Amino acid sequence: MTSRCKPAPRRQPRRAGRSVDRSGGFTLIELLVTLAVLGLALVLIAGYKPPWSRSEAILSNRPVAFDLDLIGHRYRVGTATPRRLPADLSLELLTISGEILNGREGDIRFNPDGSSTGGRISLADGRRHVGVGVDWLTGRVSVADER
């Protein structure tokens, strides 16, 4: 019985001046892109704020209202300072009748047990229409585009 050996493959001679190093490292651009993505994720996470009205009501064991002034374009959470909304923003509030004052101001009240008076706030700026819904049973806040 005879055995055959395969000849070893020939190596190509290296060309002068062209050295290719294919080590498993990262390029500077790859590292910069990774750092930029991580920085963006950190900003998004740090900027997230839970629905304070509901959380504040549960933690303090007292009702907290989200007040909305439809004419003055202002809102306030609990006893905080009122904050302004853009004047060109169209506002509508749907809530129970006991929470509407003079047809121009109203609130959605969050209770210590997690429930709320419930309601819906519609916001529009001419291009986009957004609805903010508050579930009366759970106090859960949801935001959706309206058509």
N, C-alpha and C. Protein backbone atom coordinates (compact mmCIF):
# COMPACT_ATOMS: atom_id res chain seq x y z
N MET A 1 0.82 -1.16 0.00
CA MET A 1 0.00 0.00 0.00
C MET A 1 0.87 1.24 0.00
N THR A 2 0.55 2.11 -0.87
CA THR A 2 1.33 3.35 -0.96
C THR A 2 0.48 4.52 -0.51
N SER A 3 1.08 5.47 0.14
CA SER A 3 0.34 6.66 0.57
C SER A 3 0.87 7.86 -0.17
N ARG A 4 -0.04 8.71 -0.50
CA ARG A 4 0.34 9.93 -1.21
C ARG A 4 0.24 11.12 -0.28
N CYS A 5 1.15 11.96 -0.35
CA CYS A 5 1.13 13.19 0.44
C CYS A 5 0.84 14.36 -0.49
N LYS A 6 0.00 15.21 0.01
CA LYS A 6 -0.28 16.41 -0.77
C LYS A 6 0.86 17.40 -0.57
N PRO A 7 1.23 18.05 -1.63
CA PRO A 7 2.28 19.06 -1.45
C PRO A 7 1.72 20.27 -0.70
N ALA A 8 2.51 20.91 0.11
CA ALA A 8 2.09 22.09 0.87
C ALA A 8 1.79 23.23 -0.10
N PRO A 9 0.73 24.03 0.22
CA PRO A 9 0.42 25.14 -0.68
C PRO A 9 1.54 26.16 -0.68
N ARG A 10 1.73 26.76 -1.83
CA ARG A 10 2.77 27.76 -1.96
C ARG A 10 2.33 29.07 -1.34
N ARG A 11 3.22 29.69 -0.66
CA ARG A 11 2.95 31.00 -0.09
C ARG A 11 3.30 32.06 -1.11
N GLN A 12 2.43 33.06 -1.14
CA GLN A 12 2.69 34.18 -2.04
C GLN A 12 3.75 35.06 -1.39
N PRO A 13 4.69 35.49 -2.14
CA PRO A 13 5.71 36.37 -1.56
C PRO A 13 5.07 37.72 -1.19
N ARG A 14 5.53 38.28 -0.07
CA ARG A 14 5.02 39.58 0.36
C ARG A 14 5.59 40.66 -0.52
N ARG A 15 4.72 41.61 -0.81
CA ARG A 15 5.18 42.73 -1.62
C ARG A 15 5.81 43.77 -0.71
N ALA A 16 6.79 44.36 -1.17
CA ALA A 16 7.51 45.36 -0.39
C ALA A 16 6.62 46.58 -0.15
N GLY A 17 6.59 47.10 1.06
CA GLY A 17 5.83 48.31 1.37
C GLY A 17 4.38 48.05 1.73
N ARG A 18 3.87 46.87 1.54
CA ARG A 18 2.46 46.55 1.85
C ARG A 18 2.41 45.47 2.90
N SER A 19 2.23 45.86 4.10
CA SER A 19 2.12 44.90 5.19
C SER A 19 0.68 44.92 5.68
N VAL A 20 -0.01 43.83 5.61
CA VAL A 20 -1.39 43.75 6.04
C VAL A 20 -1.42 43.06 7.39
N ASP A 21 -1.92 43.81 8.39
CA ASP A 21 -2.03 43.27 9.73
C ASP A 21 -3.51 43.10 10.03
N ARG A 22 -3.98 41.92 10.09
CA ARG A 22 -5.40 41.64 10.30
C ARG A 22 -5.66 41.20 11.74
N SER A 23 -5.16 41.96 12.70
CA SER A 23 -5.39 41.59 14.10
C SER A 23 -6.84 41.89 14.47
N GLY A 24 -7.30 41.35 15.57
CA GLY A 24 -8.70 41.44 15.97
C GLY A 24 -9.07 42.70 16.74
N GLY A 25 -8.45 43.81 16.52
CA GLY A 25 -8.74 45.04 17.26
C GLY A 25 -9.87 45.86 16.62
N PHE A 26 -10.15 47.01 17.24
CA PHE A 26 -11.18 47.90 16.75
C PHE A 26 -10.53 49.16 16.20
N THR A 27 -11.21 49.77 15.24
CA THR A 27 -10.71 51.03 14.71
C THR A 27 -11.19 52.17 15.59
N LEU A 28 -10.56 53.30 15.44
CA LEU A 28 -10.94 54.48 16.23
C LEU A 28 -12.38 54.88 15.92
N ILE A 29 -12.79 54.78 14.70
CA ILE A 29 -14.17 55.14 14.32
C ILE A 29 -15.17 54.21 15.00
N GLU A 30 -14.89 52.93 15.04
CA GLU A 30 -15.78 51.99 15.72
C GLU A 30 -15.92 52.32 17.20
N LEU A 31 -14.81 52.67 17.84
CA LEU A 31 -14.85 53.03 19.25
C LEU A 31 -15.64 54.31 19.47
N LEU A 32 -15.46 55.31 18.61
CA LEU A 32 -16.20 56.58 18.74
C LEU A 32 -17.70 56.38 18.54
N VAL A 33 -18.07 55.56 17.58
CA VAL A 33 -19.50 55.28 17.34
C VAL A 33 -20.10 54.57 18.55
N THR A 34 -19.39 53.61 19.10
CA THR A 34 -19.87 52.89 20.28
C THR A 34 -20.05 53.83 21.46
N LEU A 35 -19.09 54.72 21.69
CA LEU A 35 -19.20 55.68 22.78
C LEU A 35 -20.37 56.65 22.56
N ALA A 36 -20.59 57.06 21.32
CA ALA A 36 -21.70 57.96 21.03
C ALA A 36 -23.04 57.27 21.30
N VAL A 37 -23.17 56.02 20.91
CA VAL A 37 -24.41 55.27 21.16
C VAL A 37 -24.64 55.08 22.65
N LEU A 38 -23.60 54.75 23.39
CA LEU A 38 -23.73 54.59 24.84
C LEU A 38 -24.09 55.92 25.51
N GLY A 39 -23.51 57.02 25.04
CA GLY A 39 -23.84 58.33 25.58
C GLY A 39 -25.29 58.70 25.33
N LEU A 40 -25.80 58.42 24.14
CA LEU A 40 -27.20 58.68 23.81
C LEU A 40 -28.13 57.84 24.69
N ALA A 41 -27.78 56.58 24.89
CA ALA A 41 -28.60 55.72 25.75
C ALA A 41 -28.62 56.25 27.18
N LEU A 42 -27.49 56.73 27.66
CA LEU A 42 -27.43 57.28 29.02
C LEU A 42 -28.30 58.52 29.15
N VAL A 43 -28.28 59.38 28.14
CA VAL A 43 -29.11 60.59 28.17
C VAL A 43 -30.59 60.21 28.19
N LEU A 44 -30.98 59.24 27.39
CA LEU A 44 -32.38 58.81 27.35
C LEU A 44 -32.82 58.21 28.67
N ILE A 45 -31.96 57.41 29.28
CA ILE A 45 -32.31 56.77 30.55
C ILE A 45 -32.36 57.80 31.67
N ALA A 46 -31.37 58.69 31.71
CA ALA A 46 -31.32 59.70 32.77
C ALA A 46 -32.47 60.70 32.63
N GLY A 47 -32.92 60.95 31.40
CA GLY A 47 -33.99 61.92 31.17
C GLY A 47 -35.37 61.36 31.38
N TYR A 48 -35.51 60.05 31.57
CA TYR A 48 -36.82 59.45 31.77
C TYR A 48 -37.36 59.80 33.15
N LYS A 49 -38.57 60.23 33.17
CA LYS A 49 -39.22 60.54 34.45
C LYS A 49 -40.55 59.80 34.48
N PRO A 50 -40.83 59.06 35.54
CA PRO A 50 -42.10 58.35 35.63
C PRO A 50 -43.26 59.33 35.80
N PRO A 51 -44.49 58.88 35.61
CA PRO A 51 -45.64 59.76 35.81
C PRO A 51 -45.71 60.20 37.26
N TRP A 52 -45.22 61.40 37.55
CA TRP A 52 -45.08 61.89 38.91
C TRP A 52 -46.39 61.98 39.67
N SER A 53 -47.46 62.37 39.02
CA SER A 53 -48.72 62.56 39.74
C SER A 53 -49.14 61.27 40.44
N ARG A 54 -49.13 60.19 39.71
CA ARG A 54 -49.56 58.91 40.29
C ARG A 54 -48.58 58.46 41.37
N SER A 55 -47.29 58.53 41.07
CA SER A 55 -46.28 58.12 42.03
C SER A 55 -46.32 58.98 43.28
N GLU A 56 -46.46 60.28 43.09
CA GLU A 56 -46.50 61.18 44.23
C GLU A 56 -47.71 60.90 45.11
N ALA A 57 -48.85 60.62 44.50
CA ALA A 57 -50.06 60.32 45.27
C ALA A 57 -49.89 59.06 46.09
N ILE A 58 -49.30 58.04 45.53
CA ILE A 58 -49.11 56.77 46.24
C ILE A 58 -48.08 56.95 47.36
N LEU A 59 -46.96 57.62 47.06
CA LEU A 59 -45.90 57.78 48.05
C LEU A 59 -46.31 58.67 49.22
N SER A 60 -47.05 59.75 48.93
CA SER A 60 -47.43 60.68 49.99
C SER A 60 -48.74 60.29 50.67
N ASN A 61 -49.43 59.29 50.12
CA ASN A 61 -50.71 58.83 50.64
C ASN A 61 -51.76 59.95 50.72
N ARG A 62 -51.77 60.78 49.65
CA ARG A 62 -52.77 61.84 49.54
C ARG A 62 -53.05 62.07 48.06
N PRO A 63 -54.24 62.57 47.72
CA PRO A 63 -54.55 62.84 46.31
C PRO A 63 -53.66 63.94 45.74
N VAL A 64 -53.30 63.78 44.47
CA VAL A 64 -52.50 64.77 43.75
C VAL A 64 -53.22 65.07 42.44
N ALA A 65 -53.39 66.36 42.14
CA ALA A 65 -54.11 66.76 40.93
C ALA A 65 -53.15 67.24 39.84
N PHE A 66 -53.49 66.90 38.62
CA PHE A 66 -52.84 67.48 37.45
C PHE A 66 -53.80 68.54 36.94
N ASP A 67 -53.50 69.81 37.22
CA ASP A 67 -54.38 70.93 36.85
C ASP A 67 -54.00 71.43 35.46
N LEU A 68 -55.01 71.73 34.65
CA LEU A 68 -54.79 72.24 33.30
C LEU A 68 -55.64 73.47 33.07
N ASP A 69 -54.99 74.58 32.74
CA ASP A 69 -55.66 75.84 32.41
C ASP A 69 -55.72 75.94 30.89
N LEU A 70 -56.90 75.72 30.32
CA LEU A 70 -57.06 75.67 28.87
C LEU A 70 -56.87 77.03 28.21
N ILE A 71 -57.27 78.10 28.86
CA ILE A 71 -57.18 79.45 28.30
C ILE A 71 -55.76 80.01 28.50
N GLY A 72 -55.24 79.87 29.71
CA GLY A 72 -53.91 80.41 30.02
C GLY A 72 -52.76 79.54 29.55
N HIS A 73 -53.05 78.36 29.00
CA HIS A 73 -52.03 77.42 28.51
C HIS A 73 -50.98 77.14 29.58
N ARG A 74 -51.46 76.70 30.76
CA ARG A 74 -50.57 76.33 31.85
C ARG A 74 -51.03 75.01 32.45
N TYR A 75 -50.09 74.32 33.08
CA TYR A 75 -50.43 73.11 33.83
C TYR A 75 -49.63 73.09 35.12
N ARG A 76 -50.10 72.32 36.08
CA ARG A 76 -49.42 72.20 37.36
C ARG A 76 -49.66 70.79 37.90
N VAL A 77 -48.64 70.21 38.49
CA VAL A 77 -48.75 68.91 39.13
C VAL A 77 -48.68 69.12 40.64
N GLY A 78 -49.77 68.80 41.32
CA GLY A 78 -49.81 68.96 42.78
C GLY A 78 -49.66 70.40 43.18
N THR A 79 -48.72 70.66 44.08
CA THR A 79 -48.48 72.01 44.57
C THR A 79 -47.29 72.67 43.89
N ALA A 80 -46.77 72.07 42.85
CA ALA A 80 -45.62 72.63 42.14
C ALA A 80 -45.99 73.94 41.44
N THR A 81 -44.99 74.65 41.00
CA THR A 81 -45.19 75.89 40.26
C THR A 81 -45.83 75.59 38.92
N PRO A 82 -46.84 76.38 38.51
CA PRO A 82 -47.44 76.17 37.17
C PRO A 82 -46.39 76.35 36.07
N ARG A 83 -46.54 75.56 35.03
CA ARG A 83 -45.62 75.63 33.88
C ARG A 83 -46.41 76.00 32.64
N ARG A 84 -45.78 76.75 31.75
CA ARG A 84 -46.42 77.22 30.53
C ARG A 84 -46.35 76.19 29.41
N LEU A 85 -47.38 76.22 28.59
CA LEU A 85 -47.42 75.45 27.36
C LEU A 85 -47.38 76.43 26.20
N PRO A 86 -46.95 76.02 25.01
CA PRO A 86 -46.93 76.94 23.87
C PRO A 86 -48.31 77.52 23.59
N ALA A 87 -48.37 78.81 23.26
CA ALA A 87 -49.64 79.51 23.04
C ALA A 87 -50.38 78.98 21.82
N ASP A 88 -49.66 78.48 20.82
CA ASP A 88 -50.31 77.99 19.60
C ASP A 88 -50.79 76.55 19.72
N LEU A 89 -50.66 75.96 20.89
CA LEU A 89 -51.09 74.58 21.13
C LEU A 89 -52.58 74.56 21.43
N SER A 90 -53.30 73.73 20.72
CA SER A 90 -54.73 73.57 20.96
C SER A 90 -54.93 72.51 22.04
N LEU A 91 -55.71 72.85 23.08
CA LEU A 91 -55.91 71.96 24.21
C LEU A 91 -57.38 71.62 24.39
N GLU A 92 -57.66 70.37 24.71
CA GLU A 92 -59.01 69.93 25.08
C GLU A 92 -58.87 68.99 26.27
N LEU A 93 -59.81 69.11 27.20
CA LEU A 93 -59.79 68.27 28.39
C LEU A 93 -61.14 67.58 28.54
N LEU A 94 -61.11 66.29 28.70
CA LEU A 94 -62.31 65.51 28.98
C LEU A 94 -62.09 64.82 30.32
N THR A 95 -62.88 65.19 31.31
CA THR A 95 -62.78 64.60 32.64
C THR A 95 -64.16 64.64 33.27
N ILE A 96 -64.30 64.15 34.48
CA ILE A 96 -65.62 64.15 35.11
C ILE A 96 -66.04 65.59 35.42
N SER A 97 -67.34 65.82 35.47
CA SER A 97 -67.85 67.19 35.62
C SER A 97 -67.41 67.86 36.92
N GLY A 98 -67.18 67.12 37.97
CA GLY A 98 -66.77 67.71 39.24
C GLY A 98 -65.35 68.25 39.22
N GLU A 99 -64.58 67.95 38.19
CA GLU A 99 -63.19 68.39 38.11
C GLU A 99 -63.00 69.55 37.12
N ILE A 100 -64.09 70.07 36.54
CA ILE A 100 -63.99 71.18 35.59
C ILE A 100 -64.49 72.45 36.26
N LEU A 101 -63.70 73.52 36.18
CA LEU A 101 -64.05 74.81 36.76
C LEU A 101 -64.27 75.83 35.65
N ASN A 102 -65.42 76.46 35.60
CA ASN A 102 -65.72 77.53 34.65
C ASN A 102 -65.53 77.16 33.19
N GLY A 103 -65.45 75.92 32.85
CA GLY A 103 -65.29 75.50 31.46
C GLY A 103 -63.93 75.83 30.87
N ARG A 104 -63.03 76.39 31.65
CA ARG A 104 -61.71 76.75 31.10
C ARG A 104 -60.56 76.15 31.89
N GLU A 105 -60.84 75.62 33.06
CA GLU A 105 -59.83 74.95 33.88
C GLU A 105 -60.39 73.63 34.37
N GLY A 106 -59.51 72.67 34.52
CA GLY A 106 -59.94 71.38 35.04
C GLY A 106 -58.74 70.58 35.50
N ASP A 107 -59.02 69.46 36.10
CA ASP A 107 -57.91 68.62 36.54
C ASP A 107 -58.27 67.15 36.45
N ILE A 108 -57.23 66.36 36.53
CA ILE A 108 -57.35 64.92 36.65
C ILE A 108 -56.67 64.59 37.97
N ARG A 109 -57.40 63.98 38.88
CA ARG A 109 -56.91 63.73 40.23
C ARG A 109 -56.45 62.28 40.35
N PHE A 110 -55.23 62.11 40.90
CA PHE A 110 -54.65 60.79 41.15
C PHE A 110 -54.77 60.50 42.63
N ASN A 111 -55.28 59.31 42.97
CA ASN A 111 -55.56 58.93 44.35
C ASN A 111 -54.46 58.03 44.93
N PRO A 112 -54.36 57.99 46.26
CA PRO A 112 -53.31 57.18 46.91
C PRO A 112 -53.40 55.69 46.62
N ASP A 113 -54.58 55.19 46.27
CA ASP A 113 -54.72 53.76 45.97
C ASP A 113 -54.34 53.41 44.54
N GLY A 114 -53.87 54.41 43.76
CA GLY A 114 -53.45 54.18 42.38
C GLY A 114 -54.53 54.52 41.37
N SER A 115 -55.77 54.69 41.80
CA SER A 115 -56.84 55.04 40.87
C SER A 115 -56.78 56.53 40.57
N SER A 116 -57.68 56.99 39.71
CA SER A 116 -57.74 58.41 39.37
C SER A 116 -59.17 58.77 38.96
N THR A 117 -59.39 60.05 38.72
CA THR A 117 -60.70 60.46 38.20
C THR A 117 -60.81 60.12 36.72
N GLY A 118 -59.68 59.85 36.09
CA GLY A 118 -59.65 59.49 34.68
C GLY A 118 -59.88 60.69 33.78
N GLY A 119 -59.63 60.50 32.53
CA GLY A 119 -59.87 61.57 31.58
C GLY A 119 -58.99 61.46 30.36
N ARG A 120 -59.10 62.48 29.52
CA ARG A 120 -58.34 62.51 28.27
C ARG A 120 -57.98 63.96 27.97
N ILE A 121 -56.75 64.17 27.57
CA ILE A 121 -56.29 65.49 27.14
C ILE A 121 -55.85 65.36 25.69
N SER A 122 -56.39 66.24 24.84
CA SER A 122 -56.00 66.26 23.43
C SER A 122 -55.15 67.50 23.18
N LEU A 123 -54.02 67.30 22.52
CA LEU A 123 -53.09 68.38 22.19
C LEU A 123 -52.88 68.38 20.68
N ALA A 124 -52.90 69.57 20.08
CA ALA A 124 -52.68 69.68 18.63
C ALA A 124 -51.92 70.96 18.34
N ASP A 125 -51.00 70.87 17.39
CA ASP A 125 -50.25 72.07 16.99
C ASP A 125 -50.41 72.37 15.50
N GLY A 126 -51.40 71.81 14.86
CA GLY A 126 -51.62 72.03 13.44
C GLY A 126 -51.07 70.90 12.58
N ARG A 127 -49.95 70.34 12.97
CA ARG A 127 -49.36 69.23 12.21
C ARG A 127 -49.61 67.90 12.88
N ARG A 128 -49.58 67.91 14.19
CA ARG A 128 -49.67 66.66 14.93
C ARG A 128 -50.76 66.75 15.99
N HIS A 129 -51.48 65.66 16.19
CA HIS A 129 -52.53 65.56 17.21
C HIS A 129 -52.17 64.40 18.13
N VAL A 130 -52.08 64.69 19.43
CA VAL A 130 -51.70 63.67 20.40
C VAL A 130 -52.76 63.61 21.49
N GLY A 131 -53.10 62.41 21.89
CA GLY A 131 -54.05 62.21 22.98
C GLY A 131 -53.37 61.57 24.17
N VAL A 132 -53.61 62.14 25.36
CA VAL A 132 -53.07 61.59 26.60
C VAL A 132 -54.26 61.07 27.40
N GLY A 133 -54.31 59.78 27.60
CA GLY A 133 -55.42 59.16 28.31
C GLY A 133 -55.00 58.72 29.70
N VAL A 134 -55.91 58.89 30.66
CA VAL A 134 -55.66 58.44 32.04
C VAL A 134 -56.77 57.48 32.42
N ASP A 135 -56.42 56.25 32.72
CA ASP A 135 -57.39 55.23 33.09
C ASP A 135 -57.87 55.49 34.52
N TRP A 136 -59.17 55.49 34.74
CA TRP A 136 -59.72 55.81 36.06
C TRP A 136 -59.44 54.73 37.09
N LEU A 137 -59.39 53.48 36.66
CA LEU A 137 -59.23 52.38 37.61
C LEU A 137 -57.78 52.22 38.08
N THR A 138 -56.84 52.28 37.13
CA THR A 138 -55.44 52.04 37.46
C THR A 138 -54.60 53.30 37.54
N GLY A 139 -55.10 54.43 37.03
CA GLY A 139 -54.34 55.67 36.98
C GLY A 139 -53.24 55.64 35.92
N ARG A 140 -53.25 54.61 35.09
CA ARG A 140 -52.23 54.46 34.05
C ARG A 140 -52.39 55.54 33.00
N VAL A 141 -51.27 56.15 32.62
CA VAL A 141 -51.24 57.21 31.61
C VAL A 141 -50.73 56.63 30.31
N SER A 142 -51.45 56.90 29.21
CA SER A 142 -51.02 56.44 27.89
C SER A 142 -51.06 57.62 26.92
N VAL A 143 -50.14 57.60 25.97
CA VAL A 143 -50.02 58.65 24.97
C VAL A 143 -50.13 58.01 23.59
N ALA A 144 -50.95 58.60 22.72
CA ALA A 144 -51.12 58.04 21.38
C ALA A 144 -51.37 59.16 20.37
N ASP A 145 -50.91 58.93 19.14
CA ASP A 145 -51.21 59.86 18.05
C ASP A 145 -52.68 59.74 17.70
N GLU A 146 -53.33 60.88 17.47
CA GLU A 146 -54.73 60.87 17.06
C GLU A 146 -54.79 61.23 15.59
N ARG A 147 -55.75 60.72 14.91
CA ARG A 147 -55.93 61.03 13.48
C ARG A 147 -57.14 61.90 13.30
